[in-house]
Amino acid sequence: MRISPPYSVPGAEPSLLRAGKTACLLLHGFTAQPEEMKFLAGDLHGRGYTVLIPRLAGHGTQPRDLGRVHWSDWLLSVEDGLDLLSGVAEQVVLIGQSMGAVIALTAAAEYPVAAVVGLSTPNFVYSGAQVLLARALGAFGLMAGKHSPEHPELGARRQADYPAYARYPVRIIPELARLQLAMRAALPAVSAPVLLVDVGIGTTSLDEIHARLGASIKEKLWLDELDHSLVRDEKRQIVFDAIAAFLHKLHL
């Protein structure tokens, strides 16, 4: 029987950069891997923060591994990261990109963190019928082995310059729906300060998340002409400076 290597996609290894007593736990997006967050990690570390980028469950190995993941496994990835940082930092800031932002906000309602930053946070509202449809799609994917297409040249990697799977199993779709529902339920219980950054002026999704948050300190920033992946965009320094300014304001 052929055994796959533990990491089949370059850049999938978790990384820890030690510095100050405030740590930033960076959470990558759906199908991506720790390498997605490397530019932000370098910027924060240069400013004196300890930085940890974990590999979220099911990511950075083989796309089929996502088919074995439950949405709560991503929260366990955060818990593992917080446990690791407890020995090297006095306080932790959660910073997530896209799905990583959904995970960060959900986790912030359960774990004691100093602040949360959500970048391009998805906020899909699922009805009961849509959740049932997602479950049906997942079941169909499990039976038929369905997944999105693989890149013809790069295989499991989506793009040469973007660290993410080229495909994913259909059965992960209902887990994404459950994660979204968990975030929406958790938002009123988030008490840590929150910064939300999104693309486009007047994003309804951002406004709704901001309104539902229980935090007394919550800020939102809209940026124009940037891609969804704020941590990889050519103008990403604008985002990095905004994060640093928010943390400085909180004396973190």
C-alpha atoms as a PDB file:
ATOM      1  CA  MET A   1       0.000   0.000   0.000  1.00  0.00           C
ATOM      2  CA  ARG A   2       1.309   3.432  -0.946  1.00  0.00           C
ATOM      3  CA  ILE A   3       1.644   5.858   1.986  1.00  0.00           C
ATOM      4  CA  SER A   4       1.494   9.577   1.219  1.00  0.00           C
ATOM      5  CA  PRO A   5       4.132  11.826   2.783  1.00  0.00           C
ATOM      6  CA  PRO A   6       2.953  13.990   5.677  1.00  0.00           C
ATOM      7  CA  TYR A   7       3.316  17.144   3.592  1.00  0.00           C
ATOM      8  CA  SER A   8       2.659  16.963  -0.120  1.00  0.00           C
ATOM      9  CA  VAL A   9       2.208  20.677  -0.804  1.00  0.00           C
ATOM     10  CA  PRO A  10       5.284  22.914  -0.402  1.00  0.00           C
ATOM     11  CA  GLY A  11       4.837  25.587   2.251  1.00  0.00           C
ATOM     12  CA  ALA A  12       2.461  23.564   4.393  1.00  0.00           C
ATOM     13  CA  GLU A  13       4.663  23.370   7.465  1.00  0.00           C
ATOM     14  CA  PRO A  14       3.490  25.299  10.544  1.00  0.00           C
ATOM     15  CA  SER A  15       5.905  27.982  11.716  1.00  0.00           C
ATOM     16  CA  LEU A  16       6.721  29.740  14.989  1.00  0.00           C
ATOM     17  CA  LEU A  17       8.624  33.027  15.116  1.00  0.00           C
ATOM     18  CA  ARG A  18       9.493  34.009  18.679  1.00  0.00           C
ATOM     19  CA  ALA A  19       9.838  37.595  19.837  1.00  0.00           C
ATOM     20  CA  GLY A  20       7.737  39.533  22.369  1.00  0.00           C
ATOM     21  CA  LYS A  21       5.227  38.468  25.014  1.00  0.00           C
ATOM     22  CA  THR A  22       2.262  39.264  22.782  1.00  0.00           C
ATOM     23  CA  ALA A  23       1.685  36.523  20.226  1.00  0.00           C
ATOM     24  CA  CYS A  24      -0.333  36.544  17.019  1.00  0.00           C
ATOM     25  CA  LEU A  25      -1.960  33.267  15.988  1.00  0.00           C
ATOM     26  CA  LEU A  26      -2.488  33.461  12.209  1.00  0.00           C
ATOM     27  CA  LEU A  27      -5.193  31.322  10.583  1.00  0.00           C
ATOM     28  CA  HIS A  28      -5.099  30.708   6.842  1.00  0.00           C
ATOM     29  CA  GLY A  29      -8.091  30.390   4.546  1.00  0.00           C
ATOM     30  CA  PHE A  30     -10.036  27.465   3.103  1.00  0.00           C
ATOM     31  CA  THR A  31      -7.865  25.088   0.989  1.00  0.00           C
ATOM     32  CA  ALA A  32      -4.817  27.240   1.776  1.00  0.00           C
ATOM     33  CA  GLN A  33      -1.914  26.555   4.145  1.00  0.00           C
ATOM     34  CA  PRO A  34       0.499  28.398   6.482  1.00  0.00           C
ATOM     35  CA  GLU A  35       2.498  29.858   3.584  1.00  0.00           C
ATOM     36  CA  GLU A  36      -0.509  32.053   2.751  1.00  0.00           C
ATOM     37  CA  MET A  37       0.165  34.049   5.929  1.00  0.00           C
ATOM     38  CA  LYS A  38       3.960  34.360   5.602  1.00  0.00           C
ATOM     39  CA  PHE A  39       4.022  38.043   4.578  1.00  0.00           C
ATOM     40  CA  LEU A  40       1.837  39.071   7.504  1.00  0.00           C
ATOM     41  CA  ALA A  41       3.896  36.857   9.808  1.00  0.00           C
ATOM     42  CA  GLY A  42       7.110  38.565   8.720  1.00  0.00           C
ATOM     43  CA  ASP A  43       5.612  42.016   9.227  1.00  0.00           C
ATOM     44  CA  LEU A  44       4.293  41.246  12.721  1.00  0.00           C
ATOM     45  CA  HIS A  45       7.504  39.538  13.776  1.00  0.00           C
ATOM     46  CA  GLY A  46       9.462  42.565  12.588  1.00  0.00           C
ATOM     47  CA  ARG A  47       7.319  44.704  14.879  1.00  0.00           C
ATOM     48  CA  GLY A  48       8.219  42.551  17.878  1.00  0.00           C
ATOM     49  CA  TYR A  49       5.346  40.073  18.029  1.00  0.00           C
ATOM     50  CA  THR A  50       5.705  36.340  18.479  1.00  0.00           C
ATOM     51  CA  VAL A  51       3.910  34.659  15.575  1.00  0.00           C
ATOM     52  CA  LEU A  52       2.498  31.168  15.130  1.00  0.00           C
ATOM     53  CA  ILE A  53       0.947  29.892  11.893  1.00  0.00           C
ATOM     54  CA  PRO A  54      -0.660  26.483  12.462  1.00  0.00           C
ATOM     55  CA  ARG A  55      -1.756  24.178   9.668  1.00  0.00           C
ATOM     56  CA  LEU A  56      -5.518  23.842   9.924  1.00  0.00           C
ATOM     57  CA  ALA A  57      -6.888  20.298   9.936  1.00  0.00           C
ATOM     58  CA  GLY A  58      -7.167  18.736   6.476  1.00  0.00           C
ATOM     59  CA  HIS A  59      -4.976  21.353   4.791  1.00  0.00           C
ATOM     60  CA  GLY A  60      -1.509  21.254   3.273  1.00  0.00           C
ATOM     61  CA  THR A  61      -1.399  17.493   2.702  1.00  0.00           C
ATOM     62  CA  GLN A  62      -3.741  15.954   0.133  1.00  0.00           C
ATOM     63  CA  PRO A  63      -7.081  17.492  -0.937  1.00  0.00           C
ATOM     64  CA  ARG A  64      -8.885  14.279  -0.017  1.00  0.00           C
ATOM     65  CA  ASP A  65      -7.904  14.847   3.623  1.00  0.00           C
ATOM     66  CA  LEU A  66     -10.481  17.647   3.784  1.00  0.00           C
ATOM     67  CA  GLY A  67     -13.138  14.985   3.311  1.00  0.00           C
ATOM     68  CA  ARG A  68     -12.345  13.614   6.766  1.00  0.00           C
ATOM     69  CA  VAL A  69     -12.613  16.948   8.591  1.00  0.00           C
ATOM     70  CA  HIS A  70     -15.388  18.213  10.859  1.00  0.00           C
ATOM     71  CA  TRP A  71     -15.693  21.977  11.291  1.00  0.00           C
ATOM     72  CA  SER A  72     -14.886  21.659  14.984  1.00  0.00           C
ATOM     73  CA  ASP A  73     -11.495  20.172  14.047  1.00  0.00           C
ATOM     74  CA  TRP A  74     -10.478  23.665  12.924  1.00  0.00           C
ATOM     75  CA  LEU A  75     -11.291  24.988  16.382  1.00  0.00           C
ATOM     76  CA  LEU A  76      -9.109  22.246  17.831  1.00  0.00           C
ATOM     77  CA  SER A  77      -6.288  23.510  15.601  1.00  0.00           C
ATOM     78  CA  VAL A  78      -6.727  26.897  17.284  1.00  0.00           C
ATOM     79  CA  GLU A  79      -6.789  25.284  20.721  1.00  0.00           C
ATOM     80  CA  ASP A  80      -3.537  23.469  19.972  1.00  0.00           C
ATOM     81  CA  GLY A  81      -1.977  26.757  18.879  1.00  0.00           C
ATOM     82  CA  LEU A  82      -3.109  28.535  22.037  1.00  0.00           C
ATOM     83  CA  ASP A  83      -1.692  25.727  24.170  1.00  0.00           C
ATOM     84  CA  LEU A  84       1.668  26.016  22.427  1.00  0.00           C
ATOM     85  CA  LEU A  85       1.750  29.793  22.813  1.00  0.00           C
ATOM     86  CA  SER A  86       0.831  29.659  26.495  1.00  0.00           C
ATOM     87  CA  GLY A  87       4.438  28.722  27.218  1.00  0.00           C
ATOM     88  CA  VAL A  88       6.000  31.596  25.273  1.00  0.00           C
ATOM     89  CA  ALA A  89       3.481  34.472  25.394  1.00  0.00           C
ATOM     90  CA  GLU A  90       1.380  36.350  27.930  1.00  0.00           C
ATOM     91  CA  GLN A  91      -1.478  37.190  25.568  1.00  0.00           C
ATOM     92  CA  VAL A  92      -2.641  36.081  22.129  1.00  0.00           C
ATOM     93  CA  VAL A  93      -4.280  37.876  19.213  1.00  0.00           C
ATOM     94  CA  LEU A  94      -6.228  35.781  16.694  1.00  0.00           C
ATOM     95  CA  ILE A  95      -5.872  36.931  13.080  1.00  0.00           C
ATOM     96  CA  GLY A  96      -7.670  35.064  10.303  1.00  0.00           C
ATOM     97  CA  GLN A  97      -7.928  35.365   6.522  1.00  0.00           C
ATOM     98  CA  SER A  98     -11.282  34.425   4.942  1.00  0.00           C
ATOM     99  CA  MET A  99     -12.331  31.076   6.492  1.00  0.00           C
ATOM    100  CA  GLY A 100      -9.550  31.641   9.005  1.00  0.00           C
ATOM    101  CA  ALA A 101     -11.389  34.795  10.094  1.00  0.00           C
ATOM    102  CA  VAL A 102     -14.592  32.815  10.614  1.00  0.00           C
ATOM    103  CA  ILE A 103     -12.641  30.358  12.758  1.00  0.00           C
ATOM    104  CA  ALA A 104     -10.974  33.193  14.704  1.00  0.00           C
ATOM    105  CA  LEU A 105     -14.286  34.880  15.543  1.00  0.00           C
ATOM    106  CA  THR A 106     -15.874  31.566  16.514  1.00  0.00           C
ATOM    107  CA  ALA A 107     -12.919  30.641  18.721  1.00  0.00           C
ATOM    108  CA  ALA A 108     -12.853  34.075  20.371  1.00  0.00           C
ATOM    109  CA  ALA A 109     -16.207  33.323  21.998  1.00  0.00           C
ATOM    110  CA  GLU A 110     -14.757  30.224  23.644  1.00  0.00           C
ATOM    111  CA  TYR A 111     -11.113  30.986  24.422  1.00  0.00           C
ATOM    112  CA  PRO A 112      -9.568  33.970  26.269  1.00  0.00           C
ATOM    113  CA  VAL A 113      -7.786  36.111  23.679  1.00  0.00           C
ATOM    114  CA  ALA A 114      -6.552  39.708  23.759  1.00  0.00           C
ATOM    115  CA  ALA A 115      -8.042  40.722  20.389  1.00  0.00           C
ATOM    116  CA  VAL A 116      -9.306  39.395  17.054  1.00  0.00           C
ATOM    117  CA  VAL A 117      -8.688  40.546  13.490  1.00  0.00           C
ATOM    118  CA  GLY A 118     -10.929  39.250  10.714  1.00  0.00           C
ATOM    119  CA  LEU A 119      -9.754  39.747   7.126  1.00  0.00           C
ATOM    120  CA  SER A 120     -12.274  39.259   4.296  1.00  0.00           C
ATOM    121  CA  THR A 121     -14.617  37.372   6.614  1.00  0.00           C
ATOM    122  CA  PRO A 122     -17.301  35.378   4.760  1.00  0.00           C
ATOM    123  CA  ASN A 123     -20.792  35.715   6.212  1.00  0.00           C
ATOM    124  CA  PHE A 124     -23.169  33.441   4.357  1.00  0.00           C
ATOM    125  CA  VAL A 125     -26.643  33.056   5.820  1.00  0.00           C
ATOM    126  CA  TYR A 126     -27.902  29.499   5.492  1.00  0.00           C
ATOM    127  CA  SER A 127     -31.552  28.519   5.735  1.00  0.00           C
ATOM    128  CA  GLY A 128     -32.577  25.104   7.008  1.00  0.00           C
ATOM    129  CA  ALA A 129     -33.207  23.968   3.436  1.00  0.00           C
ATOM    130  CA  GLN A 130     -29.760  25.119   2.331  1.00  0.00           C
ATOM    131  CA  VAL A 131     -28.089  23.215   5.160  1.00  0.00           C
ATOM    132  CA  LEU A 132     -29.988  20.076   4.134  1.00  0.00           C
ATOM    133  CA  LEU A 133     -28.892  20.635   0.530  1.00  0.00           C
ATOM    134  CA  ALA A 134     -25.280  21.038   1.664  1.00  0.00           C
ATOM    135  CA  ARG A 135     -25.527  17.765   3.576  1.00  0.00           C
ATOM    136  CA  ALA A 136     -26.973  16.059   0.503  1.00  0.00           C
ATOM    137  CA  LEU A 137     -24.142  17.372  -1.649  1.00  0.00           C
ATOM    138  CA  GLY A 138     -21.664  16.140   0.915  1.00  0.00           C
ATOM    139  CA  ALA A 139     -23.227  12.690   0.996  1.00  0.00           C
ATOM    140  CA  PHE A 140     -23.192  12.564  -2.813  1.00  0.00           C
ATOM    141  CA  GLY A 141     -19.550  13.571  -2.847  1.00  0.00           C
ATOM    142  CA  LEU A 142     -18.719  10.832  -0.361  1.00  0.00           C
ATOM    143  CA  MET A 143     -20.426   8.170  -2.446  1.00  0.00           C
ATOM    144  CA  ALA A 144     -19.167   9.337  -5.823  1.00  0.00           C
ATOM    145  CA  GLY A 145     -15.746  10.553  -4.753  1.00  0.00           C
ATOM    146  CA  LYS A 146     -16.481  13.967  -6.251  1.00  0.00           C
ATOM    147  CA  HIS A 147     -14.079  16.850  -5.939  1.00  0.00           C
ATOM    148  CA  SER A 148     -13.238  20.056  -7.749  1.00  0.00           C
ATOM    149  CA  PRO A 149     -10.806  19.741 -10.718  1.00  0.00           C
ATOM    150  CA  GLU A 150      -7.081  19.303 -10.175  1.00  0.00           C
ATOM    151  CA  HIS A 151      -4.666  21.769 -11.736  1.00  0.00           C
ATOM    152  CA  PRO A 152      -3.377  20.220 -14.995  1.00  0.00           C
ATOM    153  CA  GLU A 153       0.246  21.193 -14.320  1.00  0.00           C
ATOM    154  CA  LEU A 154       0.556  21.842 -10.591  1.00  0.00           C
ATOM    155  CA  GLY A 155      -1.553  18.956  -9.351  1.00  0.00           C
ATOM    156  CA  ALA A 156      -2.692  19.511  -5.759  1.00  0.00           C
ATOM    157  CA  ARG A 157      -1.487  23.134  -5.732  1.00  0.00           C
ATOM    158  CA  ARG A 158      -3.857  25.696  -7.216  1.00  0.00           C
ATOM    159  CA  GLN A 159      -1.319  28.215  -8.516  1.00  0.00           C
ATOM    160  CA  ALA A 160       2.454  28.407  -8.601  1.00  0.00           C
ATOM    161  CA  ASP A 161       2.391  31.601  -6.527  1.00  0.00           C
ATOM    162  CA  TYR A 162      -0.639  30.843  -4.340  1.00  0.00           C
ATOM    163  CA  PRO A 163      -0.376  28.130  -1.681  1.00  0.00           C
ATOM    164  CA  ALA A 164      -3.707  26.341  -1.825  1.00  0.00           C
ATOM    165  CA  TYR A 165      -5.288  23.121  -3.030  1.00  0.00           C
ATOM    166  CA  ALA A 166      -6.376  23.071  -6.653  1.00  0.00           C
ATOM    167  CA  ARG A 167      -9.378  20.953  -5.649  1.00  0.00           C
ATOM    168  CA  TYR A 168     -11.374  19.851  -2.635  1.00  0.00           C
ATOM    169  CA  PRO A 169     -13.907  17.115  -1.854  1.00  0.00           C
ATOM    170  CA  VAL A 170     -17.566  18.023  -2.200  1.00  0.00           C
ATOM    171  CA  ARG A 171     -18.343  16.494   1.175  1.00  0.00           C
ATOM    172  CA  ILE A 172     -16.598  19.415   2.947  1.00  0.00           C
ATOM    173  CA  ILE A 173     -19.368  21.804   1.835  1.00  0.00           C
ATOM    174  CA  PRO A 174     -21.744  21.046   4.746  1.00  0.00           C
ATOM    175  CA  GLU A 175     -18.892  21.550   7.222  1.00  0.00           C
ATOM    176  CA  LEU A 176     -18.349  25.044   5.832  1.00  0.00           C
ATOM    177  CA  ALA A 177     -22.052  25.720   6.312  1.00  0.00           C
ATOM    178  CA  ARG A 178     -21.919  24.492   9.908  1.00  0.00           C
ATOM    179  CA  LEU A 179     -18.878  26.660  10.594  1.00  0.00           C
ATOM    180  CA  GLN A 180     -20.717  29.726   9.311  1.00  0.00           C
ATOM    181  CA  LEU A 181     -23.690  28.948  11.544  1.00  0.00           C
ATOM    182  CA  ALA A 182     -21.361  28.469  14.518  1.00  0.00           C
ATOM    183  CA  MET A 183     -19.739  31.860  13.905  1.00  0.00           C
ATOM    184  CA  ARG A 184     -23.057  33.664  13.694  1.00  0.00           C
ATOM    185  CA  ALA A 185     -24.155  32.081  16.959  1.00  0.00           C
ATOM    186  CA  ALA A 186     -20.832  32.962  18.630  1.00  0.00           C
ATOM    187  CA  LEU A 187     -20.601  36.644  17.641  1.00  0.00           C
ATOM    188  CA  PRO A 188     -22.673  38.048  20.559  1.00  0.00           C
ATOM    189  CA  ALA A 189     -20.382  36.196  23.006  1.00  0.00           C
ATOM    190  CA  VAL A 190     -17.168  37.729  21.603  1.00  0.00           C
ATOM    191  CA  SER A 191     -15.949  40.231  24.184  1.00  0.00           C
ATOM    192  CA  ALA A 192     -12.362  40.804  22.992  1.00  0.00           C
ATOM    193  CA  PRO A 193     -11.689  43.874  20.808  1.00  0.00           C
ATOM    194  CA  VAL A 194     -12.249  43.148  17.116  1.00  0.00           C
ATOM    195  CA  LEU A 195     -10.971  44.685  13.881  1.00  0.00           C
ATOM    196  CA  LEU A 196     -12.772  43.704  10.681  1.00  0.00           C
ATOM    197  CA  VAL A 197     -11.174  44.472   7.323  1.00  0.00           C
ATOM    198  CA  ASP A 198     -12.880  43.775   4.012  1.00  0.00           C
ATOM    199  CA  VAL A 199     -12.757  44.658   0.340  1.00  0.00           C
ATOM    200  CA  GLY A 200     -15.233  47.104  -1.146  1.00  0.00           C
ATOM    201  CA  ILE A 201     -16.964  50.089   0.396  1.00  0.00           C
ATOM    202  CA  GLY A 202     -20.073  49.419   2.489  1.00  0.00           C
ATOM    203  CA  THR A 203     -19.888  45.634   2.511  1.00  0.00           C
ATOM    204  CA  THR A 204     -23.180  44.334   3.925  1.00  0.00           C
ATOM    205  CA  SER A 205     -21.493  41.192   5.254  1.00  0.00           C
ATOM    206  CA  LEU A 206     -18.995  43.234   7.242  1.00  0.00           C
ATOM    207  CA  ASP A 207     -21.704  45.500   8.651  1.00  0.00           C
ATOM    208  CA  GLU A 208     -23.770  42.562   9.841  1.00  0.00           C
ATOM    209  CA  ILE A 209     -20.856  40.839  11.572  1.00  0.00           C
ATOM    210  CA  HIS A 210     -19.902  44.138  13.210  1.00  0.00           C
ATOM    211  CA  ALA A 211     -23.457  44.700  14.443  1.00  0.00           C
ATOM    212  CA  ARG A 212     -23.782  41.214  15.949  1.00  0.00           C
ATOM    213  CA  LEU A 213     -20.496  41.337  17.854  1.00  0.00           C
ATOM    214  CA  GLY A 214     -20.743  41.563  21.627  1.00  0.00           C
ATOM    215  CA  ALA A 215     -17.401  43.365  21.907  1.00  0.00           C
ATOM    216  CA  SER A 216     -17.460  46.921  23.240  1.00  0.00           C
ATOM    217  CA  ILE A 217     -14.398  47.756  21.127  1.00  0.00           C
ATOM    218  CA  LYS A 218     -15.006  46.879  17.497  1.00  0.00           C
ATOM    219  CA  GLU A 219     -13.741  48.575  14.376  1.00  0.00           C
ATOM    220  CA  LYS A 220     -14.305  48.033  10.675  1.00  0.00           C
ATOM    221  CA  LEU A 221     -12.193  49.085   7.734  1.00  0.00           C
ATOM    222  CA  TRP A 222     -13.156  48.952   4.086  1.00  0.00           C
ATOM    223  CA  LEU A 223     -10.451  48.921   1.454  1.00  0.00           C
ATOM    224  CA  ASP A 224     -10.947  49.441  -2.252  1.00  0.00           C
ATOM    225  CA  GLU A 225      -9.112  47.787  -5.139  1.00  0.00           C
ATOM    226  CA  LEU A 226      -7.631  44.880  -3.164  1.00  0.00           C
ATOM    227  CA  ASP A 227      -8.179  41.178  -3.730  1.00  0.00           C
ATOM    228  CA  HIS A 228     -10.112  38.912  -1.373  1.00  0.00           C
ATOM    229  CA  SER A 229      -6.807  37.549  -0.088  1.00  0.00           C
ATOM    230  CA  LEU A 230      -5.754  40.684   1.752  1.00  0.00           C
ATOM    231  CA  VAL A 231      -2.599  39.031   3.086  1.00  0.00           C
ATOM    232  CA  ARG A 232      -1.289  38.301  -0.419  1.00  0.00           C
ATOM    233  CA  ASP A 233      -2.414  41.387  -2.349  1.00  0.00           C
ATOM    234  CA  GLU A 234       0.270  43.675  -3.768  1.00  0.00           C
ATOM    235  CA  LYS A 235      -1.130  46.465  -1.551  1.00  0.00           C
ATOM    236  CA  ARG A 236      -1.124  44.257   1.550  1.00  0.00           C
ATOM    237  CA  GLN A 237       1.059  46.681   3.514  1.00  0.00           C
ATOM    238  CA  ILE A 238      -2.012  48.896   3.965  1.00  0.00           C
ATOM    239  CA  VAL A 239      -3.679  45.993   5.748  1.00  0.00           C
ATOM    240  CA  PHE A 240      -0.592  45.190   7.814  1.00  0.00           C
ATOM    241  CA  ASP A 241      -0.263  48.803   8.959  1.00  0.00           C
ATOM    242  CA  ALA A 242      -3.949  48.880   9.931  1.00  0.00           C
ATOM    243  CA  ILE A 243      -3.525  45.735  12.033  1.00  0.00           C
ATOM    244  CA  ALA A 244      -0.427  47.159  13.731  1.00  0.00           C
ATOM    245  CA  ALA A 245      -2.213  50.443  14.473  1.00  0.00           C
ATOM    246  CA  PHE A 246      -5.168  48.581  16.001  1.00  0.00           C
ATOM    247  CA  LEU A 247      -2.927  46.492  18.227  1.00  0.00           C
ATOM    248  CA  HIS A 248      -0.895  49.548  19.243  1.00  0.00           C
ATOM    249  CA  LYS A 249      -4.103  51.355  20.227  1.00  0.00           C
ATOM    250  CA  LEU A 250      -4.905  48.408  22.508  1.00  0.00           C
ATOM    251  CA  HIS A 251      -1.373  48.550  23.986  1.00  0.00           C
ATOM    252  CA  LEU A 252      -0.661  45.038  22.730  1.00  0.00           C
END
